[in-house]
Amino acid sequence: FNGFIPISIYPRWNFLLLAINQLVNHLDKVQTMTRAELAPRVIIRTSIGSERPLHPQHQHVGDFSDAIRSMCSTIEVVRLEEPHEIVPAYQKALTRNDGRSTILVEYGDYYNEK
């Protein structure tokens, strides 16, 4: 990747579901498939859709963090519960050198509440 770090942003988990094949079968498995010759470090930012002040209905508020965590061995899923966790989590994702990608999960409701 010549020092570049791909950053992909999905407004909500529900939209990221469309990329689960590439996430689970490609990004997570590329190290195994290449015998560790490729170890991409990708940052994916997504969120759990906000329910307040207006609930967008159930197709926009899913949290699939645990499911993805259970399917991926080279992707760390970080659910950001508190505002003070955000900057350090992004810094770790940006500077890590352990061959892992990172999914950073924010809460849409917290933008108005915390």
PDB file of N, CA and C in Angstrom:
ATOM      1  N   PHE A   1       0.817  -1.201   0.000  1.00  0.00           N
ATOM      2  CA  PHE A   1       0.000   0.000   0.000  1.00  0.00           C
ATOM      3  C   PHE A   1       0.855   1.257   0.000  1.00  0.00           C
ATOM      4  N   ASN A   2       2.149   1.098  -0.078  1.00  0.00           N
ATOM      5  CA  ASN A   2       3.076   2.223  -0.207  1.00  0.00           C
ATOM      6  C   ASN A   2       2.894   3.292   0.857  1.00  0.00           C
ATOM      7  N   GLY A   3       2.573   2.884   2.074  1.00  0.00           N
ATOM      8  CA  GLY A   3       2.424   3.839   3.160  1.00  0.00           C
ATOM      9  C   GLY A   3       1.071   4.504   3.255  1.00  0.00           C
ATOM     10  N   PHE A   4       0.215   4.264   2.293  1.00  0.00           N
ATOM     11  CA  PHE A   4      -1.128   4.845   2.339  1.00  0.00           C
ATOM     12  C   PHE A   4      -2.032   3.991   3.219  1.00  0.00           C
ATOM     13  N   ILE A   5      -2.931   4.645   3.923  1.00  0.00           N
ATOM     14  CA  ILE A   5      -3.892   3.950   4.774  1.00  0.00           C
ATOM     15  C   ILE A   5      -5.289   4.268   4.261  1.00  0.00           C
ATOM     16  N   PRO A   6      -5.951   3.289   3.656  1.00  0.00           N
ATOM     17  CA  PRO A   6      -7.319   3.539   3.192  1.00  0.00           C
ATOM     18  C   PRO A   6      -8.261   3.796   4.363  1.00  0.00           C
ATOM     19  N   ILE A   7      -9.084   4.797   4.221  1.00  0.00           N
ATOM     20  CA  ILE A   7     -10.104   5.111   5.220  1.00  0.00           C
ATOM     21  C   ILE A   7     -11.448   5.089   4.508  1.00  0.00           C
ATOM     22  N   SER A   8     -12.349   4.276   5.017  1.00  0.00           N
ATOM     23  CA  SER A   8     -13.669   4.137   4.407  1.00  0.00           C
ATOM     24  C   SER A   8     -14.724   4.523   5.438  1.00  0.00           C
ATOM     25  N   ILE A   9     -15.682   5.318   5.025  1.00  0.00           N
ATOM     26  CA  ILE A   9     -16.695   5.825   5.952  1.00  0.00           C
ATOM     27  C   ILE A   9     -18.076   5.371   5.501  1.00  0.00           C
ATOM     28  N   TYR A  10     -18.766   4.723   6.408  1.00  0.00           N
ATOM     29  CA  TYR A  10     -20.155   4.308   6.193  1.00  0.00           C
ATOM     30  C   TYR A  10     -20.998   5.007   7.253  1.00  0.00           C
ATOM     31  N   PRO A  11     -22.004   5.762   6.872  1.00  0.00           N
ATOM     32  CA  PRO A  11     -22.787   6.518   7.853  1.00  0.00           C
ATOM     33  C   PRO A  11     -23.421   5.649   8.941  1.00  0.00           C
ATOM     34  N   ARG A  12     -23.783   4.410   8.586  1.00  0.00           N
ATOM     35  CA  ARG A  12     -24.410   3.512   9.569  1.00  0.00           C
ATOM     36  C   ARG A  12     -23.988   2.076   9.282  1.00  0.00           C
ATOM     37  N   TRP A  13     -24.030   1.249  10.338  1.00  0.00           N
ATOM     38  CA  TRP A  13     -23.759  -0.177  10.188  1.00  0.00           C
ATOM     39  C   TRP A  13     -24.634  -0.778   9.097  1.00  0.00           C
ATOM     40  N   ASN A  14     -25.895  -0.369   9.058  1.00  0.00           N
ATOM     41  CA  ASN A  14     -26.830  -0.963   8.100  1.00  0.00           C
ATOM     42  C   ASN A  14     -26.359  -0.783   6.657  1.00  0.00           C
ATOM     43  N   PHE A  15     -25.631   0.279   6.364  1.00  0.00           N
ATOM     44  CA  PHE A  15     -25.094   0.481   5.022  1.00  0.00           C
ATOM     45  C   PHE A  15     -23.833  -0.355   4.806  1.00  0.00           C
ATOM     46  N   LEU A  16     -23.069  -0.561   5.862  1.00  0.00           N
ATOM     47  CA  LEU A  16     -21.856  -1.376   5.774  1.00  0.00           C
ATOM     48  C   LEU A  16     -22.194  -2.842   5.501  1.00  0.00           C
ATOM     49  N   LEU A  17     -23.400  -3.265   5.825  1.00  0.00           N
ATOM     50  CA  LEU A  17     -23.804  -4.646   5.551  1.00  0.00           C
ATOM     51  C   LEU A  17     -23.617  -5.017   4.081  1.00  0.00           C
ATOM     52  N   LEU A  18     -23.759  -4.059   3.195  1.00  0.00           N
ATOM     53  CA  LEU A  18     -23.587  -4.332   1.766  1.00  0.00           C
ATOM     54  C   LEU A  18     -22.149  -4.716   1.415  1.00  0.00           C
ATOM     55  N   ALA A  19     -21.214  -4.431   2.288  1.00  0.00           N
ATOM     56  CA  ALA A  19     -19.808  -4.737   2.026  1.00  0.00           C
ATOM     57  C   ALA A  19     -19.288  -5.887   2.884  1.00  0.00           C
ATOM     58  N   ILE A  20     -20.165  -6.627   3.540  1.00  0.00           N
ATOM     59  CA  ILE A  20     -19.724  -7.685   4.453  1.00  0.00           C
ATOM     60  C   ILE A  20     -18.917  -8.764   3.731  1.00  0.00           C
ATOM     61  N   ASN A  21     -19.277  -9.119   2.514  1.00  0.00           N
ATOM     62  CA  ASN A  21     -18.499 -10.107   1.768  1.00  0.00           C
ATOM     63  C   ASN A  21     -17.042  -9.666   1.644  1.00  0.00           C
ATOM     64  N   GLN A  22     -16.822  -8.438   1.218  1.00  0.00           N
ATOM     65  CA  GLN A  22     -15.457  -7.941   1.052  1.00  0.00           C
ATOM     66  C   GLN A  22     -14.749  -7.805   2.400  1.00  0.00           C
ATOM     67  N   LEU A  23     -15.495  -7.426   3.411  1.00  0.00           N
ATOM     68  CA  LEU A  23     -14.926  -7.255   4.745  1.00  0.00           C
ATOM     69  C   LEU A  23     -14.481  -8.594   5.326  1.00  0.00           C
ATOM     70  N   VAL A  24     -15.384  -9.571   5.330  1.00  0.00           N
ATOM     71  CA  VAL A  24     -15.118 -10.858   5.979  1.00  0.00           C
ATOM     72  C   VAL A  24     -14.268 -11.785   5.112  1.00  0.00           C
ATOM     73  N   ASN A  25     -14.565 -11.869   3.831  1.00  0.00           N
ATOM     74  CA  ASN A  25     -13.877 -12.831   2.969  1.00  0.00           C
ATOM     75  C   ASN A  25     -12.630 -12.289   2.290  1.00  0.00           C
ATOM     76  N   HIS A  26     -12.445 -10.984   2.272  1.00  0.00           N
ATOM     77  CA  HIS A  26     -11.274 -10.423   1.604  1.00  0.00           C
ATOM     78  C   HIS A  26     -10.357  -9.706   2.588  1.00  0.00           C
ATOM     79  N   LEU A  27     -10.817  -8.582   3.143  1.00  0.00           N
ATOM     80  CA  LEU A  27      -9.948  -7.809   4.036  1.00  0.00           C
ATOM     81  C   LEU A  27      -9.464  -8.649   5.214  1.00  0.00           C
ATOM     82  N   ASP A  28     -10.360  -9.382   5.833  1.00  0.00           N
ATOM     83  CA  ASP A  28      -9.974 -10.175   7.001  1.00  0.00           C
ATOM     84  C   ASP A  28      -9.099 -11.376   6.643  1.00  0.00           C
ATOM     85  N   LYS A  29      -9.228 -11.908   5.448  1.00  0.00           N
ATOM     86  CA  LYS A  29      -8.518 -13.147   5.091  1.00  0.00           C
ATOM     87  C   LYS A  29      -7.289 -12.933   4.209  1.00  0.00           C
ATOM     88  N   VAL A  30      -7.023 -11.711   3.775  1.00  0.00           N
ATOM     89  CA  VAL A  30      -5.924 -11.490   2.831  1.00  0.00           C
ATOM     90  C   VAL A  30      -4.570 -11.894   3.414  1.00  0.00           C
ATOM     91  N   GLN A  31      -4.359 -11.726   4.702  1.00  0.00           N
ATOM     92  CA  GLN A  31      -3.091 -12.152   5.305  1.00  0.00           C
ATOM     93  C   GLN A  31      -2.914 -13.656   5.191  1.00  0.00           C
ATOM     94  N   THR A  32      -3.973 -14.396   5.461  1.00  0.00           N
ATOM     95  CA  THR A  32      -3.920 -15.852   5.361  1.00  0.00           C
ATOM     96  C   THR A  32      -3.732 -16.287   3.912  1.00  0.00           C
ATOM     97  N   MET A  33      -4.448 -15.655   3.004  1.00  0.00           N
ATOM     98  CA  MET A  33      -4.376 -16.031   1.591  1.00  0.00           C
ATOM     99  C   MET A  33      -3.009 -15.738   0.980  1.00  0.00           C
ATOM    100  N   THR A  34      -2.302 -14.733   1.503  1.00  0.00           N
ATOM    101  CA  THR A  34      -0.998 -14.356   0.942  1.00  0.00           C
ATOM    102  C   THR A  34       0.165 -14.797   1.820  1.00  0.00           C
ATOM    103  N   ARG A  35      -0.119 -15.648   2.791  1.00  0.00           N
ATOM    104  CA  ARG A  35       0.909 -16.103   3.744  1.00  0.00           C
ATOM    105  C   ARG A  35       1.625 -14.905   4.377  1.00  0.00           C
ATOM    106  N   ALA A  36       0.836 -13.927   4.763  1.00  0.00           N
ATOM    107  CA  ALA A  36       1.280 -12.714   5.462  1.00  0.00           C
ATOM    108  C   ALA A  36       2.132 -11.777   4.604  1.00  0.00           C
ATOM    109  N   GLU A  37       2.166 -11.989   3.293  1.00  0.00           N
ATOM    110  CA  GLU A  37       2.873 -11.040   2.429  1.00  0.00           C
ATOM    111  C   GLU A  37       2.132  -9.714   2.359  1.00  0.00           C
ATOM    112  N   LEU A  38       0.821  -9.764   2.450  1.00  0.00           N
ATOM    113  CA  LEU A  38       0.000  -8.557   2.500  1.00  0.00           C
ATOM    114  C   LEU A  38      -0.696  -8.503   3.849  1.00  0.00           C
ATOM    115  N   ALA A  39      -0.549  -7.391   4.515  1.00  0.00           N
ATOM    116  CA  ALA A  39      -1.224  -7.174   5.796  1.00  0.00           C
ATOM    117  C   ALA A  39      -1.784  -5.754   5.778  1.00  0.00           C
ATOM    118  N   PRO A  40      -2.875  -5.550   5.036  1.00  0.00           N
ATOM    119  CA  PRO A  40      -3.393  -4.183   4.900  1.00  0.00           C
ATOM    120  C   PRO A  40      -3.910  -3.623   6.220  1.00  0.00           C
ATOM    121  N   ARG A  41      -3.684  -2.356   6.369  1.00  0.00           N
ATOM    122  CA  ARG A  41      -4.203  -1.636   7.533  1.00  0.00           C
ATOM    123  C   ARG A  41      -5.232  -0.653   6.990  1.00  0.00           C
ATOM    124  N   VAL A  42      -6.494  -0.968   7.211  1.00  0.00           N
ATOM    125  CA  VAL A  42      -7.602  -0.157   6.727  1.00  0.00           C
ATOM    126  C   VAL A  42      -8.365   0.365   7.933  1.00  0.00           C
ATOM    127  N   ILE A  43      -8.816   1.601   7.856  1.00  0.00           N
ATOM    128  CA  ILE A  43      -9.663   2.175   8.898  1.00  0.00           C
ATOM    129  C   ILE A  43     -11.062   2.325   8.316  1.00  0.00           C
ATOM    130  N   ILE A  44     -12.029   1.760   9.028  1.00  0.00           N
ATOM    131  CA  ILE A  44     -13.428   1.880   8.614  1.00  0.00           C
ATOM    132  C   ILE A  44     -14.172   2.573   9.738  1.00  0.00           C
ATOM    133  N   ARG A  45     -14.846   3.644   9.407  1.00  0.00           N
ATOM    134  CA  ARG A  45     -15.638   4.382  10.387  1.00  0.00           C
ATOM    135  C   ARG A  45     -17.103   4.153  10.058  1.00  0.00           C
ATOM    136  N   THR A  46     -17.867   3.762  11.080  1.00  0.00           N
ATOM    137  CA  THR A  46     -19.308   3.615  10.922  1.00  0.00           C
ATOM    138  C   THR A  46     -19.981   4.052  12.209  1.00  0.00           C
ATOM    139  N   SER A  47     -21.294   3.984  12.235  1.00  0.00           N
ATOM    140  CA  SER A  47     -21.994   4.364  13.463  1.00  0.00           C
ATOM    141  C   SER A  47     -23.274   3.563  13.618  1.00  0.00           C
ATOM    142  N   ILE A  48     -23.736   3.576  14.831  1.00  0.00           N
ATOM    143  CA  ILE A  48     -25.055   3.052  15.164  1.00  0.00           C
ATOM    144  C   ILE A  48     -25.986   4.242  15.000  1.00  0.00           C
ATOM    145  N   GLY A  49     -26.949   4.126  14.123  1.00  0.00           N
ATOM    146  CA  GLY A  49     -27.812   5.261  13.796  1.00  0.00           C
ATOM    147  C   GLY A  49     -28.527   5.849  14.996  1.00  0.00           C
ATOM    148  N   SER A  50     -28.709   7.149  14.967  1.00  0.00           N
ATOM    149  CA  SER A  50     -29.377   7.837  16.079  1.00  0.00           C
ATOM    150  C   SER A  50     -30.869   7.523  16.078  1.00  0.00           C
ATOM    151  N   GLU A  51     -31.425   7.476  17.274  1.00  0.00           N
ATOM    152  CA  GLU A  51     -32.859   7.234  17.447  1.00  0.00           C
ATOM    153  C   GLU A  51     -33.588   8.473  17.943  1.00  0.00           C
ATOM    154  N   ARG A  52     -32.810   9.481  18.351  1.00  0.00           N
ATOM    155  CA  ARG A  52     -33.393  10.702  18.890  1.00  0.00           C
ATOM    156  C   ARG A  52     -32.787  11.910  18.173  1.00  0.00           C
ATOM    157  N   PRO A  53     -33.506  12.903  17.873  1.00  0.00           N
ATOM    158  CA  PRO A  53     -34.893  13.187  18.249  1.00  0.00           C
ATOM    159  C   PRO A  53     -35.917  12.493  17.344  1.00  0.00           C
ATOM    160  N   LEU A  54     -35.470  11.943  16.213  1.00  0.00           N
ATOM    161  CA  LEU A  54     -36.396  11.292  15.292  1.00  0.00           C
ATOM    162  C   LEU A  54     -35.888   9.886  15.008  1.00  0.00           C
ATOM    163  N   HIS A  55     -36.714   8.885  15.262  1.00  0.00           N
ATOM    164  CA  HIS A  55     -36.328   7.492  15.033  1.00  0.00           C
ATOM    165  C   HIS A  55     -36.440   7.178  13.537  1.00  0.00           C
ATOM    166  N   PRO A  56     -35.346   6.770  12.875  1.00  0.00           N
ATOM    167  CA  PRO A  56     -35.370   6.527  11.433  1.00  0.00           C
ATOM    168  C   PRO A  56     -35.902   5.145  11.046  1.00  0.00           C
ATOM    169  N   GLN A  57     -36.362   4.408  12.004  1.00  0.00           N
ATOM    170  CA  GLN A  57     -36.864   3.040  11.865  1.00  0.00           C
ATOM    171  C   GLN A  57     -35.713   2.040  11.940  1.00  0.00           C
ATOM    172  N   HIS A  58     -36.086   0.794  12.092  1.00  0.00           N
ATOM    173  CA  HIS A  58     -35.134  -0.249  12.466  1.00  0.00           C
ATOM    174  C   HIS A  58     -34.083  -0.567  11.409  1.00  0.00           C
ATOM    175  N   GLN A  59     -34.334  -0.262  10.160  1.00  0.00           N
ATOM    176  CA  GLN A  59     -33.340  -0.554   9.130  1.00  0.00           C
ATOM    177  C   GLN A  59     -32.164   0.417   9.163  1.00  0.00           C
ATOM    178  N   HIS A  60     -32.174   1.381  10.090  1.00  0.00           N
ATOM    179  CA  HIS A  60     -31.081   2.358  10.169  1.00  0.00           C
ATOM    180  C   HIS A  60     -30.411   2.429  11.537  1.00  0.00           C
ATOM    181  N   VAL A  61     -30.763   1.585  12.481  1.00  0.00           N
ATOM    182  CA  VAL A  61     -30.206   1.706  13.831  1.00  0.00           C
ATOM    183  C   VAL A  61     -29.516   0.424  14.311  1.00  0.00           C
ATOM    184  N   GLY A  62     -29.120  -0.444  13.404  1.00  0.00           N
ATOM    185  CA  GLY A  62     -28.497  -1.702  13.795  1.00  0.00           C
ATOM    186  C   GLY A  62     -27.097  -1.519  14.356  1.00  0.00           C
ATOM    187  N   ASP A  63     -26.741  -2.420  15.257  1.00  0.00           N
ATOM    188  CA  ASP A  63     -25.377  -2.489  15.779  1.00  0.00           C
ATOM    189  C   ASP A  63     -24.887  -3.916  15.548  1.00  0.00           C
ATOM    190  N   PHE A  64     -24.008  -4.091  14.584  1.00  0.00           N
ATOM    191  CA  PHE A  64     -23.519  -5.411  14.218  1.00  0.00           C
ATOM    192  C   PHE A  64     -22.082  -5.629  14.688  1.00  0.00           C
ATOM    193  N   SER A  65     -21.671  -4.851  15.687  1.00  0.00           N
ATOM    194  CA  SER A  65     -20.297  -4.924  16.189  1.00  0.00           C
ATOM    195  C   SER A  65     -19.933  -6.325  16.653  1.00  0.00           C
ATOM    196  N   ASP A  66     -20.758  -6.922  17.487  1.00  0.00           N
ATOM    197  CA  ASP A  66     -20.436  -8.245  18.031  1.00  0.00           C
ATOM    198  C   ASP A  66     -20.401  -9.310  16.940  1.00  0.00           C
ATOM    199  N   ALA A  67     -21.328  -9.239  15.996  1.00  0.00           N
ATOM    200  CA  ALA A  67     -21.363 -10.225  14.909  1.00  0.00           C
ATOM    201  C   ALA A  67     -20.096 -10.140  14.061  1.00  0.00           C
ATOM    202  N   ILE A  68     -19.683  -8.943  13.696  1.00  0.00           N
ATOM    203  CA  ILE A  68     -18.480  -8.778  12.874  1.00  0.00           C
ATOM    204  C   ILE A  68     -17.243  -9.175  13.664  1.00  0.00           C
ATOM    205  N   ARG A  69     -17.206  -8.812  14.923  1.00  0.00           N
ATOM    206  CA  ARG A  69     -16.072  -9.189  15.777  1.00  0.00           C
ATOM    207  C   ARG A  69     -15.914 -10.712  15.807  1.00  0.00           C
ATOM    208  N   SER A  70     -17.028 -11.441  15.847  1.00  0.00           N
ATOM    209  CA  SER A  70     -16.958 -12.903  15.917  1.00  0.00           C
ATOM    210  C   SER A  70     -16.534 -13.534  14.587  1.00  0.00           C
ATOM    211  N   MET A  71     -16.688 -12.822  13.480  1.00  0.00           N
ATOM    212  CA  MET A  71     -16.348 -13.364  12.164  1.00  0.00           C
ATOM    213  C   MET A  71     -14.952 -12.993  11.686  1.00  0.00           C
ATOM    214  N   CYS A  72     -14.335 -11.997  12.291  1.00  0.00           N
ATOM    215  CA  CYS A  72     -13.067 -11.470  11.775  1.00  0.00           C
ATOM    216  C   CYS A  72     -11.948 -11.628  12.793  1.00  0.00           C
ATOM    217  N   SER A  73     -10.820 -12.157  12.334  1.00  0.00           N
ATOM    218  CA  SER A  73      -9.692 -12.344  13.248  1.00  0.00           C
ATOM    219  C   SER A  73      -8.596 -11.299  13.075  1.00  0.00           C
ATOM    220  N   THR A  74      -8.604 -10.561  11.962  1.00  0.00           N
ATOM    221  CA  THR A  74      -7.561  -9.550  11.754  1.00  0.00           C
ATOM    222  C   THR A  74      -8.127  -8.137  11.717  1.00  0.00           C
ATOM    223  N   ILE A  75      -9.393  -8.001  12.104  1.00  0.00           N
ATOM    224  CA  ILE A  75     -10.030  -6.687  12.146  1.00  0.00           C
ATOM    225  C   ILE A  75     -10.505  -6.440  13.569  1.00  0.00           C
ATOM    226  N   GLU A  76     -10.040  -5.355  14.159  1.00  0.00           N
ATOM    227  CA  GLU A  76     -10.493  -4.986  15.498  1.00  0.00           C
ATOM    228  C   GLU A  76     -11.722  -4.091  15.375  1.00  0.00           C
ATOM    229  N   VAL A  77     -12.769  -4.447  16.096  1.00  0.00           N
ATOM    230  CA  VAL A  77     -13.992  -3.645  16.120  1.00  0.00           C
ATOM    231  C   VAL A  77     -14.011  -2.893  17.440  1.00  0.00           C
ATOM    232  N   VAL A  78     -14.018  -1.567  17.370  1.00  0.00           N
ATOM    233  CA  VAL A  78     -13.969  -0.729  18.567  1.00  0.00           C
ATOM    234  C   VAL A  78     -15.258   0.075  18.652  1.00  0.00           C
ATOM    235  N   ARG A  79     -16.057  -0.223  19.656  1.00  0.00           N
ATOM    236  CA  ARG A  79     -17.290   0.532  19.885  1.00  0.00           C
ATOM    237  C   ARG A  79     -16.937   1.692  20.815  1.00  0.00           C
ATOM    238  N   LEU A  80     -17.110   2.905  20.330  1.00  0.00           N
ATOM    239  CA  LEU A  80     -16.720   4.106  21.074  1.00  0.00           C
ATOM    240  C   LEU A  80     -17.887   4.566  21.938  1.00  0.00           C
ATOM    241  N   GLU A  81     -17.784   4.289  23.223  1.00  0.00           N
ATOM    242  CA  GLU A  81     -18.874   4.556  24.163  1.00  0.00           C
ATOM    243  C   GLU A  81     -18.848   5.976  24.729  1.00  0.00           C
ATOM    244  N   GLU A  82     -17.664   6.544  24.853  1.00  0.00           N
ATOM    245  CA  GLU A  82     -17.511   7.851  25.493  1.00  0.00           C
ATOM    246  C   GLU A  82     -16.696   8.787  24.601  1.00  0.00           C
ATOM    247  N   PRO A  83     -16.968  10.092  24.669  1.00  0.00           N
ATOM    248  CA  PRO A  83     -16.243  11.050  23.824  1.00  0.00           C
ATOM    249  C   PRO A  83     -14.722  10.998  23.984  1.00  0.00           C
ATOM    250  N   HIS A  84     -14.241  10.778  25.209  1.00  0.00           N
ATOM    251  CA  HIS A  84     -12.792  10.776  25.421  1.00  0.00           C
ATOM    252  C   HIS A  84     -12.098   9.571  24.766  1.00  0.00           C
ATOM    253  N   GLU A  85     -12.849   8.583  24.304  1.00  0.00           N
ATOM    254  CA  GLU A  85     -12.263   7.412  23.647  1.00  0.00           C
ATOM    255  C   GLU A  85     -12.002   7.635  22.154  1.00  0.00           C
ATOM    256  N   ILE A  86     -12.636   8.640  21.581  1.00  0.00           N
ATOM    257  CA  ILE A  86     -12.632   8.793  20.125  1.00  0.00           C
ATOM    258  C   ILE A  86     -11.241   9.093  19.565  1.00  0.00           C
ATOM    259  N   VAL A  87     -10.596  10.145  20.018  1.00  0.00           N
ATOM    260  CA  VAL A  87      -9.296  10.533  19.454  1.00  0.00           C
ATOM    261  C   VAL A  87      -8.245   9.445  19.672  1.00  0.00           C
ATOM    262  N   PRO A  88      -8.097   8.883  20.881  1.00  0.00           N
ATOM    263  CA  PRO A  88      -7.109   7.809  21.048  1.00  0.00           C
ATOM    264  C   PRO A  88      -7.378   6.588  20.159  1.00  0.00           C
ATOM    265  N   ALA A  89      -8.638   6.259  19.952  1.00  0.00           N
ATOM    266  CA  ALA A  89      -8.962   5.104  19.103  1.00  0.00           C
ATOM    267  C   ALA A  89      -8.568   5.362  17.655  1.00  0.00           C
ATOM    268  N   TYR A  90      -8.837   6.562  17.166  1.00  0.00           N
ATOM    269  CA  TYR A  90      -8.437   6.904  15.799  1.00  0.00           C
ATOM    270  C   TYR A  90      -6.916   6.951  15.679  1.00  0.00           C
ATOM    271  N   GLN A  91      -6.236   7.476  16.699  1.00  0.00           N
ATOM    272  CA  GLN A  91      -4.774   7.519  16.667  1.00  0.00           C
ATOM    273  C   GLN A  91      -4.183   6.113  16.643  1.00  0.00           C
ATOM    274  N   LYS A  92      -4.743   5.221  17.456  1.00  0.00           N
ATOM    275  CA  LYS A  92      -4.263   3.836  17.468  1.00  0.00           C
ATOM    276  C   LYS A  92      -4.478   3.191  16.104  1.00  0.00           C
ATOM    277  N   ALA A  93      -5.662   3.383  15.526  1.00  0.00           N
ATOM    278  CA  ALA A  93      -5.951   2.803  14.210  1.00  0.00           C
ATOM    279  C   ALA A  93      -4.984   3.328  13.153  1.00  0.00           C
ATOM    280  N   LEU A  94      -4.634   4.586  13.244  1.00  0.00           N
ATOM    281  CA  LEU A  94      -3.754   5.218  12.264  1.00  0.00           C
ATOM    282  C   LEU A  94      -2.300   4.782  12.413  1.00  0.00           C
ATOM    283  N   THR A  95      -1.849   4.565  13.642  1.00  0.00           N
ATOM    284  CA  THR A  95      -0.431   4.294  13.880  1.00  0.00           C
ATOM    285  C   THR A  95      -0.112   2.838  14.176  1.00  0.00           C
ATOM    286  N   ARG A  96      -1.098   1.980  14.238  1.00  0.00           N
ATOM    287  CA  ARG A  96      -0.827   0.586  14.607  1.00  0.00           C
ATOM    288  C   ARG A  96       0.058  -0.079  13.564  1.00  0.00           C
ATOM    289  N   ASN A  97       0.870  -1.016  14.019  1.00  0.00           N
ATOM    290  CA  ASN A  97       1.755  -1.739  13.103  1.00  0.00           C
ATOM    291  C   ASN A  97       1.680  -3.241  13.340  1.00  0.00           C
ATOM    292  N   ASP A  98       0.528  -3.699  13.804  1.00  0.00           N
ATOM    293  CA  ASP A  98       0.342  -5.119  14.090  1.00  0.00           C
ATOM    294  C   ASP A  98      -0.371  -5.864  12.963  1.00  0.00           C
ATOM    295  N   GLY A  99      -0.537  -5.222  11.807  1.00  0.00           N
ATOM    296  CA  GLY A  99      -1.158  -5.884  10.675  1.00  0.00           C
ATOM    297  C   GLY A  99      -2.663  -6.032  10.764  1.00  0.00           C
ATOM    298  N   ARG A 100      -3.290  -5.275  11.645  1.00  0.00           N
ATOM    299  CA  ARG A 100      -4.739  -5.372  11.801  1.00  0.00           C
ATOM    300  C   ARG A 100      -5.412  -4.114  11.270  1.00  0.00           C
ATOM    301  N   SER A 101      -6.590  -4.307  10.726  1.00  0.00           N
ATOM    302  CA  SER A 101      -7.437  -3.187  10.342  1.00  0.00           C
ATOM    303  C   SER A 101      -8.347  -2.858  11.514  1.00  0.00           C
ATOM    304  N   THR A 102      -9.033  -1.732  11.435  1.00  0.00           N
ATOM    305  CA  THR A 102      -9.866  -1.275  12.546  1.00  0.00           C
ATOM    306  C   THR A 102     -11.205  -0.778  12.031  1.00  0.00           C
ATOM    307  N   ILE A 103     -12.269  -1.205  12.710  1.00  0.00           N
ATOM    308  CA  ILE A 103     -13.592  -0.626  12.490  1.00  0.00           C
ATOM    309  C   ILE A 103     -13.916   0.188  13.731  1.00  0.00           C
ATOM    310  N   LEU A 104     -14.127   1.480  13.553  1.00  0.00           N
ATOM    311  CA  LEU A 104     -14.467   2.378  14.654  1.00  0.00           C
ATOM    312  C   LEU A 104     -15.960   2.664  14.581  1.00  0.00           C
ATOM    313  N   VAL A 105     -16.659   2.336  15.661  1.00  0.00           N
ATOM    314  CA  VAL A 105     -18.117   2.435  15.690  1.00  0.00           C
ATOM    315  C   VAL A 105     -18.524   3.546  16.647  1.00  0.00           C
ATOM    316  N   GLU A 106     -19.142   4.577  16.106  1.00  0.00           N
ATOM    317  CA  GLU A 106     -19.633   5.683  16.921  1.00  0.00           C
ATOM    318  C   GLU A 106     -21.141   5.539  17.113  1.00  0.00           C
ATOM    319  N   TYR A 107     -21.665   6.252  18.082  1.00  0.00           N
ATOM    320  CA  TYR A 107     -23.108   6.268  18.353  1.00  0.00           C
ATOM    321  C   TYR A 107     -23.681   7.581  17.837  1.00  0.00           C
ATOM    322  N   GLY A 108     -24.615   7.505  16.914  1.00  0.00           N
ATOM    323  CA  GLY A 108     -25.224   8.711  16.369  1.00  0.00           C
ATOM    324  C   GLY A 108     -25.896   9.573  17.418  1.00  0.00           C
ATOM    325  N   ASP A 109     -26.548   8.954  18.390  1.00  0.00           N
ATOM    326  CA  ASP A 109     -27.243   9.721  19.424  1.00  0.00           C
ATOM    327  C   ASP A 109     -26.290  10.531  20.291  1.00  0.00           C
ATOM    328  N   TYR A 110     -25.060  10.083  20.424  1.00  0.00           N
ATOM    329  CA  TYR A 110     -24.133  10.761  21.322  1.00  0.00           C
ATOM    330  C   TYR A 110     -23.693  12.127  20.801  1.00  0.00           C
ATOM    331  N   TYR A 111     -23.860  12.393  19.515  1.00  0.00           N
ATOM    332  CA  TYR A 111     -23.493  13.713  18.994  1.00  0.00           C
ATOM    333  C   TYR A 111     -24.330  14.810  19.642  1.00  0.00           C
ATOM    334  N   ASN A 112     -25.545  14.499  20.021  1.00  0.00           N
ATOM    335  CA  ASN A 112     -26.414  15.480  20.676  1.00  0.00           C
ATOM    336  C   ASN A 112     -26.453  15.331  22.188  1.00  0.00           C
ATOM    337  N   GLU A 113     -25.943  14.214  22.707  1.00  0.00           N
ATOM    338  CA  GLU A 113     -26.144  13.913  24.121  1.00  0.00           C
ATOM    339  C   GLU A 113     -24.883  13.951  24.964  1.00  0.00           C
ATOM    340  N   LYS A 114     -23.721  13.826  24.372  1.00  0.00           N
ATOM    341  CA  LYS A 114     -22.497  13.778  25.189  1.00  0.00           C
ATOM    342  C   LYS A 114     -21.521  14.846  24.756  1.00  0.00           C
TER     343      LYS A 114
END
